[in-house]
Amino acid sequence: MHTNNRMQRHWVETRDFIKENWTKFTDVELDHIDGDFDKFFTYLKEYYSNFPLNEAVARGKLQGFLNRMDDAHPERITG
């Protein structure tokens, strides 16, 4: 499943997860991201140095979180 779709499907929980793990994100930016994986990484690159490493770490953390959300909420998975 495409990560952007998964992020949108679990956006309420993902928003809180992002806020806890990447504290430089403001509510305004999270409103703008609104479940869009690419926008999240645009802001990540802007606010956090050493981006290639941070991107890899962020992808791993986010994928693991979304996997847990899919397991916890199978009713949200369609197709």
PDB file of N, CA and C in Angstrom:
ATOM      1  N   MET A   1       0.848  -1.181   0.000  1.00  0.00           N
ATOM      2  CA  MET A   1       0.000   0.000   0.000  1.00  0.00           C
ATOM      3  C   MET A   1       0.888   1.237   0.000  1.00  0.00           C
ATOM      4  N   HIS A   2       0.544   2.184  -0.803  1.00  0.00           N
ATOM      5  CA  HIS A   2       1.303   3.426  -0.917  1.00  0.00           C
ATOM      6  C   HIS A   2       1.297   4.170   0.415  1.00  0.00           C
ATOM      7  N   THR A   3       2.457   4.643   0.833  1.00  0.00           N
ATOM      8  CA  THR A   3       2.604   5.289   2.137  1.00  0.00           C
ATOM      9  C   THR A   3       1.718   6.517   2.279  1.00  0.00           C
ATOM     10  N   ASN A   4       1.584   7.309   1.212  1.00  0.00           N
ATOM     11  CA  ASN A   4       0.755   8.508   1.295  1.00  0.00           C
ATOM     12  C   ASN A   4      -0.684   8.142   1.648  1.00  0.00           C
ATOM     13  N   ASN A   5      -1.222   7.097   1.032  1.00  0.00           N
ATOM     14  CA  ASN A   5      -2.580   6.659   1.340  1.00  0.00           C
ATOM     15  C   ASN A   5      -2.679   6.197   2.790  1.00  0.00           C
ATOM     16  N   ARG A   6      -1.685   5.472   3.253  1.00  0.00           N
ATOM     17  CA  ARG A   6      -1.684   4.986   4.635  1.00  0.00           C
ATOM     18  C   ARG A   6      -1.606   6.154   5.607  1.00  0.00           C
ATOM     19  N   MET A   7      -0.794   7.132   5.297  1.00  0.00           N
ATOM     20  CA  MET A   7      -0.643   8.292   6.161  1.00  0.00           C
ATOM     21  C   MET A   7      -1.965   9.067   6.227  1.00  0.00           C
ATOM     22  N   GLN A   8      -2.640   9.206   5.106  1.00  0.00           N
ATOM     23  CA  GLN A   8      -3.937   9.881   5.086  1.00  0.00           C
ATOM     24  C   GLN A   8      -4.973   9.082   5.861  1.00  0.00           C
ATOM     25  N   ARG A   9      -4.959   7.776   5.704  1.00  0.00           N
ATOM     26  CA  ARG A   9      -5.934   6.911   6.365  1.00  0.00           C
ATOM     27  C   ARG A   9      -5.813   7.004   7.888  1.00  0.00           C
ATOM     28  N   HIS A  10      -4.607   7.203   8.384  1.00  0.00           N
ATOM     29  CA  HIS A  10      -4.353   7.272   9.823  1.00  0.00           C
ATOM     30  C   HIS A  10      -3.882   8.663  10.242  1.00  0.00           C
ATOM     31  N   TRP A  11      -4.351   9.698   9.551  1.00  0.00           N
ATOM     32  CA  TRP A  11      -3.799  11.023   9.747  1.00  0.00           C
ATOM     33  C   TRP A  11      -3.926  11.529  11.182  1.00  0.00           C
ATOM     34  N   VAL A  12      -5.036  11.322  11.837  1.00  0.00           N
ATOM     35  CA  VAL A  12      -5.207  11.830  13.209  1.00  0.00           C
ATOM     36  C   VAL A  12      -4.105  11.278  14.114  1.00  0.00           C
ATOM     37  N   GLU A  13      -3.878   9.980  14.042  1.00  0.00           N
ATOM     38  CA  GLU A  13      -2.837   9.359  14.869  1.00  0.00           C
ATOM     39  C   GLU A  13      -1.438   9.740  14.380  1.00  0.00           C
ATOM     40  N   THR A  14      -1.272   9.809  13.058  1.00  0.00           N
ATOM     41  CA  THR A  14       0.043  10.132  12.493  1.00  0.00           C
ATOM     42  C   THR A  14       0.449  11.558  12.848  1.00  0.00           C
ATOM     43  N   ARG A  15      -0.503  12.451  12.844  1.00  0.00           N
ATOM     44  CA  ARG A  15      -0.229  13.845  13.219  1.00  0.00           C
ATOM     45  C   ARG A  15       0.357  13.902  14.629  1.00  0.00           C
ATOM     46  N   ASP A  16      -0.257  13.187  15.568  1.00  0.00           N
ATOM     47  CA  ASP A  16       0.255  13.148  16.941  1.00  0.00           C
ATOM     48  C   ASP A  16       1.639  12.511  16.993  1.00  0.00           C
ATOM     49  N   PHE A  17       1.843  11.455  16.218  1.00  0.00           N
ATOM     50  CA  PHE A  17       3.134  10.766  16.162  1.00  0.00           C
ATOM     51  C   PHE A  17       4.221  11.714  15.657  1.00  0.00           C
ATOM     52  N   ILE A  18       3.924  12.462  14.606  1.00  0.00           N
ATOM     53  CA  ILE A  18       4.888  13.422  14.058  1.00  0.00           C
ATOM     54  C   ILE A  18       5.208  14.490  15.104  1.00  0.00           C
ATOM     55  N   LYS A  19       4.170  15.002  15.743  1.00  0.00           N
ATOM     56  CA  LYS A  19       4.363  16.053  16.743  1.00  0.00           C
ATOM     57  C   LYS A  19       5.245  15.581  17.900  1.00  0.00           C
ATOM     58  N   GLU A  20       5.107  14.327  18.293  1.00  0.00           N
ATOM     59  CA  GLU A  20       5.914  13.767  19.384  1.00  0.00           C
ATOM     60  C   GLU A  20       7.355  13.508  18.964  1.00  0.00           C
ATOM     61  N   ASN A  21       7.568  13.114  17.718  1.00  0.00           N
ATOM     62  CA  ASN A  21       8.898  12.708  17.263  1.00  0.00           C
ATOM     63  C   ASN A  21       9.697  13.815  16.592  1.00  0.00           C
ATOM     64  N   TRP A  22       9.026  14.787  16.012  1.00  0.00           N
ATOM     65  CA  TRP A  22       9.693  15.890  15.325  1.00  0.00           C
ATOM     66  C   TRP A  22       9.070  17.183  15.839  1.00  0.00           C
ATOM     67  N   THR A  23       9.598  17.661  16.931  1.00  0.00           N
ATOM     68  CA  THR A  23       8.985  18.755  17.690  1.00  0.00           C
ATOM     69  C   THR A  23       9.073  20.125  17.012  1.00  0.00           C
ATOM     70  N   LYS A  24       9.824  20.239  15.942  1.00  0.00           N
ATOM     71  CA  LYS A  24       9.907  21.525  15.244  1.00  0.00           C
ATOM     72  C   LYS A  24       8.683  21.795  14.373  1.00  0.00           C
ATOM     73  N   PHE A  25       7.871  20.786  14.138  1.00  0.00           N
ATOM     74  CA  PHE A  25       6.660  20.975  13.344  1.00  0.00           C
ATOM     75  C   PHE A  25       5.608  21.712  14.171  1.00  0.00           C
ATOM     76  N   THR A  26       5.010  22.742  13.574  1.00  0.00           N
ATOM     77  CA  THR A  26       3.948  23.488  14.245  1.00  0.00           C
ATOM     78  C   THR A  26       2.591  22.931  13.807  1.00  0.00           C
ATOM     79  N   ASP A  27       1.547  23.329  14.518  1.00  0.00           N
ATOM     80  CA  ASP A  27       0.193  22.912  14.138  1.00  0.00           C
ATOM     81  C   ASP A  27      -0.171  23.422  12.751  1.00  0.00           C
ATOM     82  N   VAL A  28       0.283  24.607  12.416  1.00  0.00           N
ATOM     83  CA  VAL A  28       0.001  25.172  11.090  1.00  0.00           C
ATOM     84  C   VAL A  28       0.623  24.293  10.006  1.00  0.00           C
ATOM     85  N   GLU A  29       1.855  23.873  10.213  1.00  0.00           N
ATOM     86  CA  GLU A  29       2.512  23.016   9.227  1.00  0.00           C
ATOM     87  C   GLU A  29       1.833  21.651   9.150  1.00  0.00           C
ATOM     88  N   LEU A  30       1.451  21.118  10.290  1.00  0.00           N
ATOM     89  CA  LEU A  30       0.753  19.834  10.289  1.00  0.00           C
ATOM     90  C   LEU A  30      -0.587  19.953   9.579  1.00  0.00           C
ATOM     91  N   ASP A  31      -1.272  21.089   9.741  1.00  0.00           N
ATOM     92  CA  ASP A  31      -2.511  21.319   8.993  1.00  0.00           C
ATOM     93  C   ASP A  31      -2.228  21.332   7.494  1.00  0.00           C
ATOM     94  N   HIS A  32      -1.113  21.941   7.113  1.00  0.00           N
ATOM     95  CA  HIS A  32      -0.744  22.006   5.699  1.00  0.00           C
ATOM     96  C   HIS A  32      -0.364  20.624   5.164  1.00  0.00           C
ATOM     97  N   ILE A  33       0.339  19.842   5.938  1.00  0.00           N
ATOM     98  CA  ILE A  33       0.736  18.489   5.525  1.00  0.00           C
ATOM     99  C   ILE A  33      -0.506  17.630   5.290  1.00  0.00           C
ATOM    100  N   ASP A  34      -1.438  17.650   6.224  1.00  0.00           N
ATOM    101  CA  ASP A  34      -2.735  16.983   6.100  1.00  0.00           C
ATOM    102  C   ASP A  34      -2.649  15.577   5.485  1.00  0.00           C
ATOM    103  N   GLY A  35      -1.699  14.797   5.983  1.00  0.00           N
ATOM    104  CA  GLY A  35      -1.580  13.417   5.537  1.00  0.00           C
ATOM    105  C   GLY A  35      -0.757  13.206   4.283  1.00  0.00           C
ATOM    106  N   ASP A  36      -0.140  14.251   3.760  1.00  0.00           N
ATOM    107  CA  ASP A  36       0.650  14.142   2.528  1.00  0.00           C
ATOM    108  C   ASP A  36       2.109  13.821   2.868  1.00  0.00           C
ATOM    109  N   PHE A  37       2.515  12.622   2.523  1.00  0.00           N
ATOM    110  CA  PHE A  37       3.852  12.106   2.812  1.00  0.00           C
ATOM    111  C   PHE A  37       4.938  13.015   2.233  1.00  0.00           C
ATOM    112  N   ASP A  38       4.777  13.473   1.002  1.00  0.00           N
ATOM    113  CA  ASP A  38       5.788  14.323   0.368  1.00  0.00           C
ATOM    114  C   ASP A  38       5.922  15.674   1.071  1.00  0.00           C
ATOM    115  N   LYS A  39       4.808  16.248   1.486  1.00  0.00           N
ATOM    116  CA  LYS A  39       4.872  17.518   2.217  1.00  0.00           C
ATOM    117  C   LYS A  39       5.582  17.336   3.552  1.00  0.00           C
ATOM    118  N   PHE A  40       5.333  16.213   4.210  1.00  0.00           N
ATOM    119  CA  PHE A  40       6.027  15.927   5.468  1.00  0.00           C
ATOM    120  C   PHE A  40       7.536  15.962   5.250  1.00  0.00           C
ATOM    121  N   PHE A  41       8.017  15.306   4.197  1.00  0.00           N
ATOM    122  CA  PHE A  41       9.461  15.274   3.956  1.00  0.00           C
ATOM    123  C   PHE A  41      10.007  16.616   3.492  1.00  0.00           C
ATOM    124  N   THR A  42       9.193  17.426   2.851  1.00  0.00           N
ATOM    125  CA  THR A  42       9.626  18.783   2.497  1.00  0.00           C
ATOM    126  C   THR A  42       9.919  19.585   3.765  1.00  0.00           C
ATOM    127  N   TYR A  43       9.012  19.515   4.733  1.00  0.00           N
ATOM    128  CA  TYR A  43       9.234  20.207   6.008  1.00  0.00           C
ATOM    129  C   TYR A  43      10.381  19.583   6.795  1.00  0.00           C
ATOM    130  N   LEU A  44      10.485  18.283   6.776  1.00  0.00           N
ATOM    131  CA  LEU A  44      11.576  17.608   7.486  1.00  0.00           C
ATOM    132  C   LEU A  44      12.926  18.103   6.968  1.00  0.00           C
ATOM    133  N   LYS A  45      13.045  18.186   5.664  1.00  0.00           N
ATOM    134  CA  LYS A  45      14.294  18.656   5.053  1.00  0.00           C
ATOM    135  C   LYS A  45      14.590  20.101   5.446  1.00  0.00           C
ATOM    136  N   GLU A  46      13.545  20.914   5.538  1.00  0.00           N
ATOM    137  CA  GLU A  46      13.716  22.328   5.873  1.00  0.00           C
ATOM    138  C   GLU A  46      14.149  22.529   7.325  1.00  0.00           C
ATOM    139  N   TYR A  47      13.626  21.733   8.248  1.00  0.00           N
ATOM    140  CA  TYR A  47      13.832  21.967   9.671  1.00  0.00           C
ATOM    141  C   TYR A  47      14.925  21.144  10.332  1.00  0.00           C
ATOM    142  N   TYR A  48      15.319  20.059   9.719  1.00  0.00           N
ATOM    143  CA  TYR A  48      16.290  19.181  10.368  1.00  0.00           C
ATOM    144  C   TYR A  48      17.522  19.025   9.484  1.00  0.00           C
ATOM    145  N   SER A  49      18.691  19.216  10.089  1.00  0.00           N
ATOM    146  CA  SER A  49      19.942  19.084   9.351  1.00  0.00           C
ATOM    147  C   SER A  49      20.251  17.610   9.117  1.00  0.00           C
ATOM    148  N   ASN A  50      21.323  17.368   8.363  1.00  0.00           N
ATOM    149  CA  ASN A  50      21.739  15.997   8.064  1.00  0.00           C
ATOM    150  C   ASN A  50      20.590  15.221   7.438  1.00  0.00           C
ATOM    151  N   PHE A  51      19.971  15.844   6.440  1.00  0.00           N
ATOM    152  CA  PHE A  51      18.722  15.316   5.895  1.00  0.00           C
ATOM    153  C   PHE A  51      18.771  13.881   5.379  1.00  0.00           C
ATOM    154  N   PRO A  52      19.745  13.481   4.615  1.00  0.00           N
ATOM    155  CA  PRO A  52      19.654  12.088   4.140  1.00  0.00           C
ATOM    156  C   PRO A  52      19.533  11.073   5.274  1.00  0.00           C
ATOM    157  N   LEU A  53      20.279  11.282   6.346  1.00  0.00           N
ATOM    158  CA  LEU A  53      20.173  10.371   7.490  1.00  0.00           C
ATOM    159  C   LEU A  53      18.816  10.532   8.170  1.00  0.00           C
ATOM    160  N   ASN A  54      18.395  11.760   8.387  1.00  0.00           N
ATOM    161  CA  ASN A  54      17.093  11.996   9.013  1.00  0.00           C
ATOM    162  C   ASN A  54      15.954  11.445   8.159  1.00  0.00           C
ATOM    163  N   GLU A  55      16.087  11.523   6.853  1.00  0.00           N
ATOM    164  CA  GLU A  55      15.050  10.972   5.978  1.00  0.00           C
ATOM    165  C   GLU A  55      14.943   9.466   6.169  1.00  0.00           C
ATOM    166  N   ALA A  56      16.061   8.783   6.193  1.00  0.00           N
ATOM    167  CA  ALA A  56      16.048   7.322   6.362  1.00  0.00           C
ATOM    168  C   ALA A  56      15.457   6.942   7.717  1.00  0.00           C
ATOM    169  N   VAL A  57      15.851   7.644   8.754  1.00  0.00           N
ATOM    170  CA  VAL A  57      15.318   7.378  10.097  1.00  0.00           C
ATOM    171  C   VAL A  57      13.821   7.668  10.127  1.00  0.00           C
ATOM    172  N   ALA A  58      13.424   8.796   9.558  1.00  0.00           N
ATOM    173  CA  ALA A  58      12.012   9.182   9.554  1.00  0.00           C
ATOM    174  C   ALA A  58      11.169   8.174   8.783  1.00  0.00           C
ATOM    175  N   ARG A  59      11.656   7.748   7.628  1.00  0.00           N
ATOM    176  CA  ARG A  59      10.914   6.748   6.841  1.00  0.00           C
ATOM    177  C   ARG A  59      10.724   5.469   7.648  1.00  0.00           C
ATOM    178  N   GLY A  60      11.765   5.017   8.311  1.00  0.00           N
ATOM    179  CA  GLY A  60      11.673   3.804   9.117  1.00  0.00           C
ATOM    180  C   GLY A  60      10.684   3.954  10.265  1.00  0.00           C
ATOM    181  N   LYS A  61      10.772   5.067  10.970  1.00  0.00           N
ATOM    182  CA  LYS A  61       9.863   5.317  12.088  1.00  0.00           C
ATOM    183  C   LYS A  61       8.416   5.408  11.608  1.00  0.00           C
ATOM    184  N   LEU A  62       8.219   6.142  10.530  1.00  0.00           N
ATOM    185  CA  LEU A  62       6.872   6.344  10.015  1.00  0.00           C
ATOM    186  C   LEU A  62       6.283   5.044   9.469  1.00  0.00           C
ATOM    187  N   GLN A  63       7.089   4.267   8.749  1.00  0.00           N
ATOM    188  CA  GLN A  63       6.611   2.985   8.223  1.00  0.00           C
ATOM    189  C   GLN A  63       6.218   2.049   9.358  1.00  0.00           C
ATOM    190  N   GLY A  64       7.042   1.972  10.387  1.00  0.00           N
ATOM    191  CA  GLY A  64       6.733   1.132  11.541  1.00  0.00           C
ATOM    192  C   GLY A  64       5.451   1.578  12.220  1.00  0.00           C
ATOM    193  N   PHE A  65       5.288   2.885  12.381  1.00  0.00           N
ATOM    194  CA  PHE A  65       4.079   3.421  12.999  1.00  0.00           C
ATOM    195  C   PHE A  65       2.851   3.085  12.160  1.00  0.00           C
ATOM    196  N   LEU A  66       2.934   3.302  10.848  1.00  0.00           N
ATOM    197  CA  LEU A  66       1.791   3.019   9.979  1.00  0.00           C
ATOM    198  C   LEU A  66       1.469   1.528   9.945  1.00  0.00           C
ATOM    199  N   ASN A  67       2.475   0.682  10.024  1.00  0.00           N
ATOM    200  CA  ASN A  67       2.226  -0.763  10.112  1.00  0.00           C
ATOM    201  C   ASN A  67       1.425  -1.081  11.368  1.00  0.00           C
ATOM    202  N   ARG A  68       1.802  -0.485  12.486  1.00  0.00           N
ATOM    203  CA  ARG A  68       1.068  -0.702  13.737  1.00  0.00           C
ATOM    204  C   ARG A  68      -0.360  -0.177  13.635  1.00  0.00           C
ATOM    205  N   MET A  69      -0.545   0.958  12.966  1.00  0.00           N
ATOM    206  CA  MET A  69      -1.885   1.514  12.788  1.00  0.00           C
ATOM    207  C   MET A  69      -2.741   0.590  11.915  1.00  0.00           C
ATOM    208  N   ASP A  70      -2.149   0.054  10.847  1.00  0.00           N
ATOM    209  CA  ASP A  70      -2.886  -0.888   9.995  1.00  0.00           C
ATOM    210  C   ASP A  70      -3.306  -2.119  10.792  1.00  0.00           C
ATOM    211  N   ASP A  71      -2.414  -2.612  11.627  1.00  0.00           N
ATOM    212  CA  ASP A  71      -2.732  -3.781  12.461  1.00  0.00           C
ATOM    213  C   ASP A  71      -3.819  -3.455  13.485  1.00  0.00           C
ATOM    214  N   ALA A  72      -3.758  -2.256  14.049  1.00  0.00           N
ATOM    215  CA  ALA A  72      -4.719  -1.872  15.084  1.00  0.00           C
ATOM    216  C   ALA A  72      -6.093  -1.492  14.499  1.00  0.00           C
ATOM    217  N   HIS A  73      -6.118  -1.066  13.236  1.00  0.00           N
ATOM    218  CA  HIS A  73      -7.353  -0.596  12.623  1.00  0.00           C
ATOM    219  C   HIS A  73      -7.558  -1.241  11.245  1.00  0.00           C
ATOM    220  N   PRO A  74      -7.717  -2.552  11.193  1.00  0.00           N
ATOM    221  CA  PRO A  74      -7.884  -3.216   9.895  1.00  0.00           C
ATOM    222  C   PRO A  74      -9.141  -2.770   9.153  1.00  0.00           C
ATOM    223  N   GLU A  75     -10.110  -2.229   9.878  1.00  0.00           N
ATOM    224  CA  GLU A  75     -11.345  -1.765   9.232  1.00  0.00           C
ATOM    225  C   GLU A  75     -11.107  -0.569   8.323  1.00  0.00           C
ATOM    226  N   ARG A  76      -9.982   0.121   8.491  1.00  0.00           N
ATOM    227  CA  ARG A  76      -9.664   1.281   7.650  1.00  0.00           C
ATOM    228  C   ARG A  76      -9.019   0.879   6.327  1.00  0.00           C
ATOM    229  N   ILE A  77      -8.606  -0.360   6.224  1.00  0.00           N
ATOM    230  CA  ILE A  77      -7.925  -0.842   5.025  1.00  0.00           C
ATOM    231  C   ILE A  77      -8.982  -1.304   4.034  1.00  0.00           C
ATOM    232  N   THR A  78      -8.930  -0.759   2.831  1.00  0.00           N
ATOM    233  CA  THR A  78      -9.875  -1.161   1.790  1.00  0.00           C
ATOM    234  C   THR A  78      -9.104  -1.728   0.626  1.00  0.00           C
ATOM    235  N   GLY A  79      -9.791  -2.452  -0.196  1.00  0.00           N
ATOM    236  CA  GLY A  79      -9.159  -2.969  -1.397  1.00  0.00           C
ATOM    237  C   GLY A  79      -9.037  -4.401  -1.299  1.00  0.00           C
TER     238      GLY A  79
END
